[in-house]
Amino acid sequence: MTEQLVKLKIALQLEDDNWDELLKLYLSDAQEFLKLRLSLTDDDKLPNSMEAIVRGAAVKKFNRLKNEGMLSYSQDGESITFHANDFDEWKDEIEQWRTDRTGVNQGSWINPYEV
């Protein structure tokens, strides 16, 4: 998680350690939620190909700090709308991983003379 934390801090342009504990929590939560979406058990390791998604979800969570639970926010003519799900942006990638893992859409060759 140390490398993930460093990359997350770069993405958020944070240079001090003031937010480290909160960022670690966001990374941990994002990993757990993504494991649920991928149908992985607690013992399963999250695939390395999913680290960018974990980081992206943590960035979203940090950017909503103090606005958690809101679907939209408006002030002085500025309006911000949040996704209901932090992982919506990566829905296609998550589904592709699940499809590849379950073997759906993978063909195999059968020798008709051996049947």
PDB file of N, CA and C in Angstrom:
ATOM      1  N   MET A   1       0.836  -1.200   0.000  1.00  0.00           N
ATOM      2  CA  MET A   1       0.000   0.000   0.000  1.00  0.00           C
ATOM      3  C   MET A   1       0.868   1.246   0.000  1.00  0.00           C
ATOM      4  N   THR A   2       2.115   1.121   0.367  1.00  0.00           N
ATOM      5  CA  THR A   2       2.992   2.285   0.415  1.00  0.00           C
ATOM      6  C   THR A   2       3.146   2.914  -0.963  1.00  0.00           C
ATOM      7  N   GLU A   3       3.361   2.076  -1.980  1.00  0.00           N
ATOM      8  CA  GLU A   3       3.482   2.598  -3.346  1.00  0.00           C
ATOM      9  C   GLU A   3       2.173   3.234  -3.792  1.00  0.00           C
ATOM     10  N   GLN A   4       1.060   2.603  -3.444  1.00  0.00           N
ATOM     11  CA  GLN A   4      -0.247   3.161  -3.774  1.00  0.00           C
ATOM     12  C   GLN A   4      -0.443   4.524  -3.106  1.00  0.00           C
ATOM     13  N   LEU A   5      -0.039   4.624  -1.857  1.00  0.00           N
ATOM     14  CA  LEU A   5      -0.176   5.889  -1.125  1.00  0.00           C
ATOM     15  C   LEU A   5       0.652   6.978  -1.791  1.00  0.00           C
ATOM     16  N   VAL A   6       1.870   6.657  -2.190  1.00  0.00           N
ATOM     17  CA  VAL A   6       2.734   7.636  -2.861  1.00  0.00           C
ATOM     18  C   VAL A   6       2.083   8.104  -4.160  1.00  0.00           C
ATOM     19  N   LYS A   7       1.583   7.164  -4.959  1.00  0.00           N
ATOM     20  CA  LYS A   7       0.934   7.520  -6.224  1.00  0.00           C
ATOM     21  C   LYS A   7      -0.325   8.346  -5.989  1.00  0.00           C
ATOM     22  N   LEU A   8      -1.095   7.999  -4.959  1.00  0.00           N
ATOM     23  CA  LEU A   8      -2.306   8.748  -4.642  1.00  0.00           C
ATOM     24  C   LEU A   8      -1.970  10.179  -4.251  1.00  0.00           C
ATOM     25  N   LYS A   9      -0.936  10.349  -3.449  1.00  0.00           N
ATOM     26  CA  LYS A   9      -0.526  11.695  -3.034  1.00  0.00           C
ATOM     27  C   LYS A   9      -0.043  12.512  -4.229  1.00  0.00           C
ATOM     28  N   ILE A  10       0.615  11.876  -5.184  1.00  0.00           N
ATOM     29  CA  ILE A  10       1.018  12.572  -6.407  1.00  0.00           C
ATOM     30  C   ILE A  10      -0.218  13.015  -7.180  1.00  0.00           C
ATOM     31  N   ALA A  11      -1.189  12.124  -7.305  1.00  0.00           N
ATOM     32  CA  ALA A  11      -2.426  12.449  -8.034  1.00  0.00           C
ATOM     33  C   ALA A  11      -3.171  13.613  -7.380  1.00  0.00           C
ATOM     34  N   LEU A  12      -3.129  13.659  -6.065  1.00  0.00           N
ATOM     35  CA  LEU A  12      -3.829  14.716  -5.328  1.00  0.00           C
ATOM     36  C   LEU A  12      -2.947  15.947  -5.086  1.00  0.00           C
ATOM     37  N   GLN A  13      -1.695  15.874  -5.515  1.00  0.00           N
ATOM     38  CA  GLN A  13      -0.734  16.966  -5.344  1.00  0.00           C
ATOM     39  C   GLN A  13      -0.543  17.333  -3.876  1.00  0.00           C
ATOM     40  N   LEU A  14      -0.433  16.294  -3.044  1.00  0.00           N
ATOM     41  CA  LEU A  14      -0.185  16.480  -1.616  1.00  0.00           C
ATOM     42  C   LEU A  14       1.276  16.166  -1.329  1.00  0.00           C
ATOM     43  N   GLU A  15       1.961  17.087  -0.681  1.00  0.00           N
ATOM     44  CA  GLU A  15       3.388  16.898  -0.435  1.00  0.00           C
ATOM     45  C   GLU A  15       3.716  16.584   1.022  1.00  0.00           C
ATOM     46  N   ASP A  16       2.785  16.813   1.938  1.00  0.00           N
ATOM     47  CA  ASP A  16       3.069  16.524   3.343  1.00  0.00           C
ATOM     48  C   ASP A  16       2.360  15.237   3.766  1.00  0.00           C
ATOM     49  N   ASP A  17       2.526  14.877   5.018  1.00  0.00           N
ATOM     50  CA  ASP A  17       1.945  13.626   5.528  1.00  0.00           C
ATOM     51  C   ASP A  17       0.665  13.842   6.327  1.00  0.00           C
ATOM     52  N   ASN A  18       0.109  15.039   6.288  1.00  0.00           N
ATOM     53  CA  ASN A  18      -1.058  15.372   7.109  1.00  0.00           C
ATOM     54  C   ASN A  18      -2.281  14.509   6.790  1.00  0.00           C
ATOM     55  N   TRP A  19      -2.406  14.060   5.559  1.00  0.00           N
ATOM     56  CA  TRP A  19      -3.608  13.326   5.144  1.00  0.00           C
ATOM     57  C   TRP A  19      -3.366  11.826   5.021  1.00  0.00           C
ATOM     58  N   ASP A  20      -2.187  11.340   5.380  1.00  0.00           N
ATOM     59  CA  ASP A  20      -1.824   9.944   5.119  1.00  0.00           C
ATOM     60  C   ASP A  20      -2.799   8.934   5.717  1.00  0.00           C
ATOM     61  N   GLU A  21      -3.197   9.110   6.954  1.00  0.00           N
ATOM     62  CA  GLU A  21      -4.095   8.134   7.593  1.00  0.00           C
ATOM     63  C   GLU A  21      -5.444   8.078   6.874  1.00  0.00           C
ATOM     64  N   LEU A  22      -5.975   9.221   6.511  1.00  0.00           N
ATOM     65  CA  LEU A  22      -7.249   9.259   5.787  1.00  0.00           C
ATOM     66  C   LEU A  22      -7.094   8.634   4.404  1.00  0.00           C
ATOM     67  N   LEU A  23      -5.998   8.934   3.726  1.00  0.00           N
ATOM     68  CA  LEU A  23      -5.762   8.366   2.403  1.00  0.00           C
ATOM     69  C   LEU A  23      -5.600   6.856   2.461  1.00  0.00           C
ATOM     70  N   LYS A  24      -4.932   6.346   3.486  1.00  0.00           N
ATOM     71  CA  LYS A  24      -4.806   4.900   3.661  1.00  0.00           C
ATOM     72  C   LYS A  24      -6.173   4.260   3.853  1.00  0.00           C
ATOM     73  N   LEU A  25      -7.034   4.920   4.619  1.00  0.00           N
ATOM     74  CA  LEU A  25      -8.390   4.418   4.827  1.00  0.00           C
ATOM     75  C   LEU A  25      -9.159   4.388   3.508  1.00  0.00           C
ATOM     76  N   TYR A  26      -9.062   5.456   2.728  1.00  0.00           N
ATOM     77  CA  TYR A  26      -9.749   5.504   1.440  1.00  0.00           C
ATOM     78  C   TYR A  26      -9.242   4.425   0.493  1.00  0.00           C
ATOM     79  N   LEU A  27      -7.925   4.192   0.468  1.00  0.00           N
ATOM     80  CA  LEU A  27      -7.371   3.131  -0.372  1.00  0.00           C
ATOM     81  C   LEU A  27      -7.854   1.755   0.088  1.00  0.00           C
ATOM     82  N   SER A  28      -7.853   1.529   1.383  1.00  0.00           N
ATOM     83  CA  SER A  28      -8.307   0.255   1.927  1.00  0.00           C
ATOM     84  C   SER A  28      -9.786   0.016   1.618  1.00  0.00           C
ATOM     85  N   ASP A  29     -10.606   1.033   1.839  1.00  0.00           N
ATOM     86  CA  ASP A  29     -12.035   0.909   1.540  1.00  0.00           C
ATOM     87  C   ASP A  29     -12.273   0.636   0.056  1.00  0.00           C
ATOM     88  N   ALA A  30     -11.553   1.348  -0.802  1.00  0.00           N
ATOM     89  CA  ALA A  30     -11.711   1.157  -2.245  1.00  0.00           C
ATOM     90  C   ALA A  30     -11.327  -0.268  -2.644  1.00  0.00           C
ATOM     91  N   GLN A  31     -10.263  -0.802  -2.048  1.00  0.00           N
ATOM     92  CA  GLN A  31      -9.865  -2.179  -2.331  1.00  0.00           C
ATOM     93  C   GLN A  31     -10.957  -3.161  -1.921  1.00  0.00           C
ATOM     94  N   GLU A  32     -11.514  -2.963  -0.758  1.00  0.00           N
ATOM     95  CA  GLU A  32     -12.550  -3.877  -0.264  1.00  0.00           C
ATOM     96  C   GLU A  32     -13.807  -3.807  -1.130  1.00  0.00           C
ATOM     97  N   PHE A  33     -14.229  -2.606  -1.490  1.00  0.00           N
ATOM     98  CA  PHE A  33     -15.414  -2.469  -2.339  1.00  0.00           C
ATOM     99  C   PHE A  33     -15.176  -3.066  -3.721  1.00  0.00           C
ATOM    100  N   LEU A  34     -13.962  -2.875  -4.257  1.00  0.00           N
ATOM    101  CA  LEU A  34     -13.661  -3.435  -5.574  1.00  0.00           C
ATOM    102  C   LEU A  34     -13.608  -4.959  -5.518  1.00  0.00           C
ATOM    103  N   LYS A  35     -13.095  -5.512  -4.435  1.00  0.00           N
ATOM    104  CA  LYS A  35     -13.109  -6.967  -4.274  1.00  0.00           C
ATOM    105  C   LYS A  35     -14.542  -7.505  -4.323  1.00  0.00           C
ATOM    106  N   LEU A  36     -15.458  -6.784  -3.688  1.00  0.00           N
ATOM    107  CA  LEU A  36     -16.866  -7.194  -3.741  1.00  0.00           C
ATOM    108  C   LEU A  36     -17.379  -7.182  -5.174  1.00  0.00           C
ATOM    109  N   ARG A  37     -17.053  -6.126  -5.911  1.00  0.00           N
ATOM    110  CA  ARG A  37     -17.503  -6.023  -7.299  1.00  0.00           C
ATOM    111  C   ARG A  37     -16.909  -7.110  -8.178  1.00  0.00           C
ATOM    112  N   LEU A  38     -15.703  -7.548  -7.841  1.00  0.00           N
ATOM    113  CA  LEU A  38     -15.028  -8.583  -8.622  1.00  0.00           C
ATOM    114  C   LEU A  38     -15.341  -9.988  -8.119  1.00  0.00           C
ATOM    115  N   SER A  39     -16.175 -10.089  -7.087  1.00  0.00           N
ATOM    116  CA  SER A  39     -16.531 -11.370  -6.475  1.00  0.00           C
ATOM    117  C   SER A  39     -15.305 -12.105  -5.943  1.00  0.00           C
ATOM    118  N   LEU A  40     -14.378 -11.367  -5.348  1.00  0.00           N
ATOM    119  CA  LEU A  40     -13.199 -11.959  -4.726  1.00  0.00           C
ATOM    120  C   LEU A  40     -13.458 -12.142  -3.241  1.00  0.00           C
ATOM    121  N   THR A  41     -12.815 -13.145  -2.658  1.00  0.00           N
ATOM    122  CA  THR A  41     -12.959 -13.365  -1.226  1.00  0.00           C
ATOM    123  C   THR A  41     -11.973 -12.478  -0.475  1.00  0.00           C
ATOM    124  N   ASP A  42     -12.101 -12.439   0.830  1.00  0.00           N
ATOM    125  CA  ASP A  42     -11.177 -11.665   1.658  1.00  0.00           C
ATOM    126  C   ASP A  42      -9.744 -12.147   1.504  1.00  0.00           C
ATOM    127  N   ASP A  43      -9.573 -13.446   1.252  1.00  0.00           N
ATOM    128  CA  ASP A  43      -8.237 -14.022   1.115  1.00  0.00           C
ATOM    129  C   ASP A  43      -7.607 -13.755  -0.249  1.00  0.00           C
ATOM    130  N   ASP A  44      -8.425 -13.433  -1.248  1.00  0.00           N
ATOM    131  CA  ASP A  44      -7.910 -13.179  -2.593  1.00  0.00           C
ATOM    132  C   ASP A  44      -7.170 -11.847  -2.641  1.00  0.00           C
ATOM    133  N   LYS A  45      -6.108 -11.828  -3.423  1.00  0.00           N
ATOM    134  CA  LYS A  45      -5.349 -10.601  -3.624  1.00  0.00           C
ATOM    135  C   LYS A  45      -5.968  -9.863  -4.809  1.00  0.00           C
ATOM    136  N   LEU A  46      -6.093  -8.570  -4.686  1.00  0.00           N
ATOM    137  CA  LEU A  46      -6.621  -7.763  -5.779  1.00  0.00           C
ATOM    138  C   LEU A  46      -5.621  -7.760  -6.931  1.00  0.00           C
ATOM    139  N   PRO A  47      -6.066  -7.979  -8.162  1.00  0.00           N
ATOM    140  CA  PRO A  47      -5.131  -8.004  -9.296  1.00  0.00           C
ATOM    141  C   PRO A  47      -4.413  -6.654  -9.452  1.00  0.00           C
ATOM    142  N   ASN A  48      -3.142  -6.715  -9.835  1.00  0.00           N
ATOM    143  CA  ASN A  48      -2.368  -5.493 -10.049  1.00  0.00           C
ATOM    144  C   ASN A  48      -3.010  -4.579 -11.085  1.00  0.00           C
ATOM    145  N   SER A  49      -3.711  -5.167 -12.046  1.00  0.00           N
ATOM    146  CA  SER A  49      -4.347  -4.369 -13.097  1.00  0.00           C
ATOM    147  C   SER A  49      -5.477  -3.491 -12.550  1.00  0.00           C
ATOM    148  N   MET A  50      -5.891  -3.726 -11.311  1.00  0.00           N
ATOM    149  CA  MET A  50      -6.969  -2.951 -10.709  1.00  0.00           C
ATOM    150  C   MET A  50      -6.468  -1.827  -9.799  1.00  0.00           C
ATOM    151  N   GLU A  51      -5.161  -1.687  -9.640  1.00  0.00           N
ATOM    152  CA  GLU A  51      -4.624  -0.667  -8.734  1.00  0.00           C
ATOM    153  C   GLU A  51      -5.008   0.746  -9.152  1.00  0.00           C
ATOM    154  N   ALA A  52      -5.026   1.017 -10.454  1.00  0.00           N
ATOM    155  CA  ALA A  52      -5.397   2.350 -10.926  1.00  0.00           C
ATOM    156  C   ALA A  52      -6.851   2.662 -10.586  1.00  0.00           C
ATOM    157  N   ILE A  53      -7.701   1.651 -10.625  1.00  0.00           N
ATOM    158  CA  ILE A  53      -9.110   1.854 -10.273  1.00  0.00           C
ATOM    159  C   ILE A  53      -9.238   2.167  -8.785  1.00  0.00           C
ATOM    160  N   VAL A  54      -8.491   1.449  -7.959  1.00  0.00           N
ATOM    161  CA  VAL A  54      -8.501   1.707  -6.509  1.00  0.00           C
ATOM    162  C   VAL A  54      -8.068   3.147  -6.243  1.00  0.00           C
ATOM    163  N   ARG A  55      -6.972   3.551  -6.890  1.00  0.00           N
ATOM    164  CA  ARG A  55      -6.478   4.920  -6.710  1.00  0.00           C
ATOM    165  C   ARG A  55      -7.499   5.943  -7.176  1.00  0.00           C
ATOM    166  N   GLY A  56      -8.098   5.702  -8.319  1.00  0.00           N
ATOM    167  CA  GLY A  56      -9.097   6.629  -8.849  1.00  0.00           C
ATOM    168  C   GLY A  56     -10.292   6.780  -7.922  1.00  0.00           C
ATOM    169  N   ALA A  57     -10.747   5.666  -7.353  1.00  0.00           N
ATOM    170  CA  ALA A  57     -11.870   5.727  -6.413  1.00  0.00           C
ATOM    171  C   ALA A  57     -11.477   6.491  -5.150  1.00  0.00           C
ATOM    172  N   ALA A  58     -10.231   6.315  -4.702  1.00  0.00           N
ATOM    173  CA  ALA A  58      -9.751   7.040  -3.520  1.00  0.00           C
ATOM    174  C   ALA A  58      -9.653   8.542  -3.805  1.00  0.00           C
ATOM    175  N   VAL A  59      -9.234   8.901  -5.015  1.00  0.00           N
ATOM    176  CA  VAL A  59      -9.186  10.318  -5.403  1.00  0.00           C
ATOM    177  C   VAL A  59     -10.592  10.915  -5.358  1.00  0.00           C
ATOM    178  N   LYS A  60     -11.545  10.187  -5.923  1.00  0.00           N
ATOM    179  CA  LYS A  60     -12.933  10.670  -5.905  1.00  0.00           C
ATOM    180  C   LYS A  60     -13.420  10.874  -4.474  1.00  0.00           C
ATOM    181  N   LYS A  61     -13.140   9.908  -3.622  1.00  0.00           N
ATOM    182  CA  LYS A  61     -13.576   9.989  -2.225  1.00  0.00           C
ATOM    183  C   LYS A  61     -12.937  11.193  -1.530  1.00  0.00           C
ATOM    184  N   PHE A  62     -11.644  11.418  -1.751  1.00  0.00           N
ATOM    185  CA  PHE A  62     -10.956  12.543  -1.129  1.00  0.00           C
ATOM    186  C   PHE A  62     -11.525  13.868  -1.634  1.00  0.00           C
ATOM    187  N   ASN A  63     -11.814  13.936  -2.917  1.00  0.00           N
ATOM    188  CA  ASN A  63     -12.351  15.175  -3.485  1.00  0.00           C
ATOM    189  C   ASN A  63     -13.764  15.490  -2.990  1.00  0.00           C
ATOM    190  N   ARG A  64     -14.444  14.493  -2.461  1.00  0.00           N
ATOM    191  CA  ARG A  64     -15.786  14.715  -1.896  1.00  0.00           C
ATOM    192  C   ARG A  64     -15.743  14.958  -0.393  1.00  0.00           C
ATOM    193  N   LEU A  65     -14.544  15.060   0.174  1.00  0.00           N
ATOM    194  CA  LEU A  65     -14.401  15.266   1.610  1.00  0.00           C
ATOM    195  C   LEU A  65     -15.278  16.428   2.060  1.00  0.00           C
ATOM    196  N   LYS A  66     -16.029  16.208   3.096  1.00  0.00           N
ATOM    197  CA  LYS A  66     -16.993  17.161   3.677  1.00  0.00           C
ATOM    198  C   LYS A  66     -18.295  17.235   2.879  1.00  0.00           C
ATOM    199  N   ASN A  67     -18.352  16.528   1.751  1.00  0.00           N
ATOM    200  CA  ASN A  67     -19.577  16.494   0.948  1.00  0.00           C
ATOM    201  C   ASN A  67     -20.103  15.070   0.815  1.00  0.00           C
ATOM    202  N   GLU A  68     -19.638  14.159   1.676  1.00  0.00           N
ATOM    203  CA  GLU A  68     -20.066  12.772   1.593  1.00  0.00           C
ATOM    204  C   GLU A  68     -21.577  12.668   1.732  1.00  0.00           C
ATOM    205  N   GLY A  69     -22.124  11.752   0.974  1.00  0.00           N
ATOM    206  CA  GLY A  69     -23.554  11.506   1.055  1.00  0.00           C
ATOM    207  C   GLY A  69     -24.386  12.399   0.154  1.00  0.00           C
ATOM    208  N   MET A  70     -23.799  13.438  -0.384  1.00  0.00           N
ATOM    209  CA  MET A  70     -24.551  14.330  -1.272  1.00  0.00           C
ATOM    210  C   MET A  70     -24.516  13.787  -2.690  1.00  0.00           C
ATOM    211  N   LEU A  71     -25.631  13.927  -3.380  1.00  0.00           N
ATOM    212  CA  LEU A  71     -25.684  13.558  -4.786  1.00  0.00           C
ATOM    213  C   LEU A  71     -25.293  14.751  -5.648  1.00  0.00           C
ATOM    214  N   SER A  72     -25.647  15.950  -5.181  1.00  0.00           N
ATOM    215  CA  SER A  72     -25.254  17.163  -5.897  1.00  0.00           C
ATOM    216  C   SER A  72     -25.029  18.283  -4.895  1.00  0.00           C
ATOM    217  N   TYR A  73     -24.307  19.298  -5.353  1.00  0.00           N
ATOM    218  CA  TYR A  73     -23.934  20.409  -4.485  1.00  0.00           C
ATOM    219  C   TYR A  73     -23.962  21.682  -5.321  1.00  0.00           C
ATOM    220  N   SER A  74     -24.585  22.715  -4.819  1.00  0.00           N
ATOM    221  CA  SER A  74     -24.657  23.991  -5.540  1.00  0.00           C
ATOM    222  C   SER A  74     -24.342  25.134  -4.587  1.00  0.00           C
ATOM    223  N   GLN A  75     -23.572  26.090  -5.097  1.00  0.00           N
ATOM    224  CA  GLN A  75     -23.269  27.281  -4.315  1.00  0.00           C
ATOM    225  C   GLN A  75     -22.851  28.391  -5.273  1.00  0.00           C
ATOM    226  N   ASP A  76     -23.462  29.550  -5.129  1.00  0.00           N
ATOM    227  CA  ASP A  76     -23.123  30.728  -5.925  1.00  0.00           C
ATOM    228  C   ASP A  76     -23.048  30.439  -7.416  1.00  0.00           C
ATOM    229  N   GLY A  77     -24.016  29.724  -7.947  1.00  0.00           N
ATOM    230  CA  GLY A  77     -24.072  29.446  -9.374  1.00  0.00           C
ATOM    231  C   GLY A  77     -23.230  28.273  -9.830  1.00  0.00           C
ATOM    232  N   GLU A  78     -22.415  27.711  -8.941  1.00  0.00           N
ATOM    233  CA  GLU A  78     -21.620  26.542  -9.282  1.00  0.00           C
ATOM    234  C   GLU A  78     -22.365  25.300  -8.823  1.00  0.00           C
ATOM    235  N   SER A  79     -22.440  24.306  -9.687  1.00  0.00           N
ATOM    236  CA  SER A  79     -23.140  23.080  -9.359  1.00  0.00           C
ATOM    237  C   SER A  79     -22.213  21.893  -9.596  1.00  0.00           C
ATOM    238  N   ILE A  80     -22.155  20.975  -8.629  1.00  0.00           N
ATOM    239  CA  ILE A  80     -21.342  19.768  -8.736  1.00  0.00           C
ATOM    240  C   ILE A  80     -22.257  18.580  -8.475  1.00  0.00           C
ATOM    241  N   THR A  81     -22.188  17.587  -9.346  1.00  0.00           N
ATOM    242  CA  THR A  81     -22.975  16.374  -9.179  1.00  0.00           C
ATOM    243  C   THR A  81     -22.014  15.203  -9.020  1.00  0.00           C
ATOM    244  N   PHE A  82     -22.258  14.368  -8.013  1.00  0.00           N
ATOM    245  CA  PHE A  82     -21.414  13.217  -7.743  1.00  0.00           C
ATOM    246  C   PHE A  82     -22.078  11.960  -8.270  1.00  0.00           C
ATOM    247  N   HIS A  83     -21.267  11.012  -8.704  1.00  0.00           N
ATOM    248  CA  HIS A  83     -21.787   9.701  -9.078  1.00  0.00           C
ATOM    249  C   HIS A  83     -22.303   9.004  -7.831  1.00  0.00           C
ATOM    250  N   ALA A  84     -23.328   8.207  -7.996  1.00  0.00           N
ATOM    251  CA  ALA A  84     -23.841   7.440  -6.863  1.00  0.00           C
ATOM    252  C   ALA A  84     -22.884   6.314  -6.495  1.00  0.00           C
ATOM    253  N   ASN A  85     -22.061   5.895  -7.460  1.00  0.00           N
ATOM    254  CA  ASN A  85     -21.125   4.805  -7.237  1.00  0.00           C
ATOM    255  C   ASN A  85     -19.734   5.234  -7.680  1.00  0.00           C
ATOM    256  N   ASP A  86     -18.751   5.092  -6.826  1.00  0.00           N
ATOM    257  CA  ASP A  86     -17.380   5.515  -7.143  1.00  0.00           C
ATOM    258  C   ASP A  86     -16.777   4.728  -8.298  1.00  0.00           C
ATOM    259  N   PHE A  87     -17.308   3.556  -8.607  1.00  0.00           N
ATOM    260  CA  PHE A  87     -16.709   2.696  -9.621  1.00  0.00           C
ATOM    261  C   PHE A  87     -17.427   2.755 -10.969  1.00  0.00           C
ATOM    262  N   ASP A  88     -18.446   3.610 -11.116  1.00  0.00           N
ATOM    263  CA  ASP A  88     -19.183   3.696 -12.381  1.00  0.00           C
ATOM    264  C   ASP A  88     -18.279   3.999 -13.569  1.00  0.00           C
ATOM    265  N   GLU A  89     -17.288   4.824 -13.356  1.00  0.00           N
ATOM    266  CA  GLU A  89     -16.383   5.228 -14.432  1.00  0.00           C
ATOM    267  C   GLU A  89     -15.614   4.037 -15.022  1.00  0.00           C
ATOM    268  N   TRP A  90     -15.399   3.017 -14.213  1.00  0.00           N
ATOM    269  CA  TRP A  90     -14.612   1.849 -14.640  1.00  0.00           C
ATOM    270  C   TRP A  90     -15.475   0.606 -14.802  1.00  0.00           C
ATOM    271  N   LYS A  91     -16.752   0.787 -15.013  1.00  0.00           N
ATOM    272  CA  LYS A  91     -17.683  -0.340 -15.142  1.00  0.00           C
ATOM    273  C   LYS A  91     -17.256  -1.297 -16.262  1.00  0.00           C
ATOM    274  N   ASP A  92     -16.848  -0.750 -17.406  1.00  0.00           N
ATOM    275  CA  ASP A  92     -16.460  -1.600 -18.529  1.00  0.00           C
ATOM    276  C   ASP A  92     -15.223  -2.428 -18.211  1.00  0.00           C
ATOM    277  N   GLU A  93     -14.228  -1.822 -17.566  1.00  0.00           N
ATOM    278  CA  GLU A  93     -13.010  -2.534 -17.223  1.00  0.00           C
ATOM    279  C   GLU A  93     -13.286  -3.643 -16.204  1.00  0.00           C
ATOM    280  N   ILE A  94     -14.139  -3.350 -15.241  1.00  0.00           N
ATOM    281  CA  ILE A  94     -14.490  -4.346 -14.230  1.00  0.00           C
ATOM    282  C   ILE A  94     -15.224  -5.520 -14.870  1.00  0.00           C
ATOM    283  N   GLU A  95     -16.159  -5.225 -15.746  1.00  0.00           N
ATOM    284  CA  GLU A  95     -16.902  -6.294 -16.426  1.00  0.00           C
ATOM    285  C   GLU A  95     -15.986  -7.111 -17.329  1.00  0.00           C
ATOM    286  N   GLN A  96     -15.038  -6.454 -17.996  1.00  0.00           N
ATOM    287  CA  GLN A  96     -14.103  -7.179 -18.855  1.00  0.00           C
ATOM    288  C   GLN A  96     -13.254  -8.138 -18.031  1.00  0.00           C
ATOM    289  N   TRP A  97     -12.784  -7.688 -16.878  1.00  0.00           N
ATOM    290  CA  TRP A  97     -11.983  -8.559 -16.004  1.00  0.00           C
ATOM    291  C   TRP A  97     -12.812  -9.757 -15.560  1.00  0.00           C
ATOM    292  N   ARG A  98     -14.045  -9.510 -15.179  1.00  0.00           N
ATOM    293  CA  ARG A  98     -14.911 -10.611 -14.729  1.00  0.00           C
ATOM    294  C   ARG A  98     -15.178 -11.596 -15.859  1.00  0.00           C
ATOM    295  N   THR A  99     -15.415 -11.065 -17.055  1.00  0.00           N
ATOM    296  CA  THR A  99     -15.651 -11.923 -18.217  1.00  0.00           C
ATOM    297  C   THR A  99     -14.421 -12.770 -18.516  1.00  0.00           C
ATOM    298  N   ASP A 100     -13.247 -12.148 -18.508  1.00  0.00           N
ATOM    299  CA  ASP A 100     -12.012 -12.883 -18.775  1.00  0.00           C
ATOM    300  C   ASP A 100     -11.759 -13.955 -17.724  1.00  0.00           C
ATOM    301  N   ARG A 101     -12.080 -13.644 -16.483  1.00  0.00           N
ATOM    302  CA  ARG A 101     -11.816 -14.576 -15.375  1.00  0.00           C
ATOM    303  C   ARG A 101     -12.760 -15.775 -15.401  1.00  0.00           C
ATOM    304  N   THR A 102     -14.001 -15.577 -15.815  1.00  0.00           N
ATOM    305  CA  THR A 102     -14.973 -16.669 -15.814  1.00  0.00           C
ATOM    306  C   THR A 102     -14.901 -17.512 -17.073  1.00  0.00           C
ATOM    307  N   GLY A 103     -14.139 -17.053 -18.071  1.00  0.00           N
ATOM    308  CA  GLY A 103     -14.001 -17.843 -19.292  1.00  0.00           C
ATOM    309  C   GLY A 103     -15.109 -17.607 -20.288  1.00  0.00           C
ATOM    310  N   VAL A 104     -16.031 -16.713 -20.015  1.00  0.00           N
ATOM    311  CA  VAL A 104     -17.080 -16.390 -20.971  1.00  0.00           C
ATOM    312  C   VAL A 104     -16.421 -15.729 -22.176  1.00  0.00           C
ATOM    313  N   ASN A 105     -16.896 -16.013 -23.361  1.00  0.00           N
ATOM    314  CA  ASN A 105     -16.380 -15.485 -24.621  1.00  0.00           C
ATOM    315  C   ASN A 105     -15.006 -16.056 -24.990  1.00  0.00           C
ATOM    316  N   GLN A 106     -14.634 -17.179 -24.390  1.00  0.00           N
ATOM    317  CA  GLN A 106     -13.392 -17.832 -24.766  1.00  0.00           C
ATOM    318  C   GLN A 106     -13.738 -19.141 -25.456  1.00  0.00           C
ATOM    319  N   GLY A 107     -13.179 -19.348 -26.614  1.00  0.00           N
ATOM    320  CA  GLY A 107     -13.466 -20.551 -27.379  1.00  0.00           C
ATOM    321  C   GLY A 107     -12.473 -21.650 -27.084  1.00  0.00           C
ATOM    322  N   SER A 108     -12.827 -22.839 -27.488  1.00  0.00           N
ATOM    323  CA  SER A 108     -11.903 -23.969 -27.390  1.00  0.00           C
ATOM    324  C   SER A 108     -12.125 -24.850 -28.612  1.00  0.00           C
ATOM    325  N   TRP A 109     -11.099 -25.585 -28.972  1.00  0.00           N
ATOM    326  CA  TRP A 109     -11.168 -26.441 -30.144  1.00  0.00           C
ATOM    327  C   TRP A 109     -11.431 -27.861 -29.701  1.00  0.00           C
ATOM    328  N   ILE A 110     -12.379 -28.490 -30.343  1.00  0.00           N
ATOM    329  CA  ILE A 110     -12.713 -29.887 -30.041  1.00  0.00           C
ATOM    330  C   ILE A 110     -12.477 -30.707 -31.308  1.00  0.00           C
ATOM    331  N   ASN A 111     -11.718 -31.769 -31.160  1.00  0.00           N
ATOM    332  CA  ASN A 111     -11.464 -32.664 -32.285  1.00  0.00           C
ATOM    333  C   ASN A 111     -12.675 -33.578 -32.457  1.00  0.00           C
ATOM    334  N   PRO A 112     -13.381 -33.453 -33.548  1.00  0.00           N
ATOM    335  CA  PRO A 112     -14.618 -34.265 -33.726  1.00  0.00           C
ATOM    336  C   PRO A 112     -14.335 -35.772 -33.852  1.00  0.00           C
ATOM    337  N   TYR A 113     -13.108 -36.147 -34.171  1.00  0.00           N
ATOM    338  CA  TYR A 113     -12.781 -37.557 -34.334  1.00  0.00           C
ATOM    339  C   TYR A 113     -12.498 -38.234 -32.996  1.00  0.00           C
ATOM    340  N   GLU A 114     -12.323 -37.439 -31.933  1.00  0.00           N
ATOM    341  CA  GLU A 114     -12.055 -38.011 -30.615  1.00  0.00           C
ATOM    342  C   GLU A 114     -13.302 -38.102 -29.752  1.00  0.00           C
ATOM    343  N   VAL A 115     -14.404 -37.583 -30.242  1.00  0.00           N
ATOM    344  CA  VAL A 115     -15.628 -37.544 -29.438  1.00  0.00           C
ATOM    345  C   VAL A 115     -16.310 -38.875 -29.448  1.00  0.00           C
TER     346      VAL A 115
END
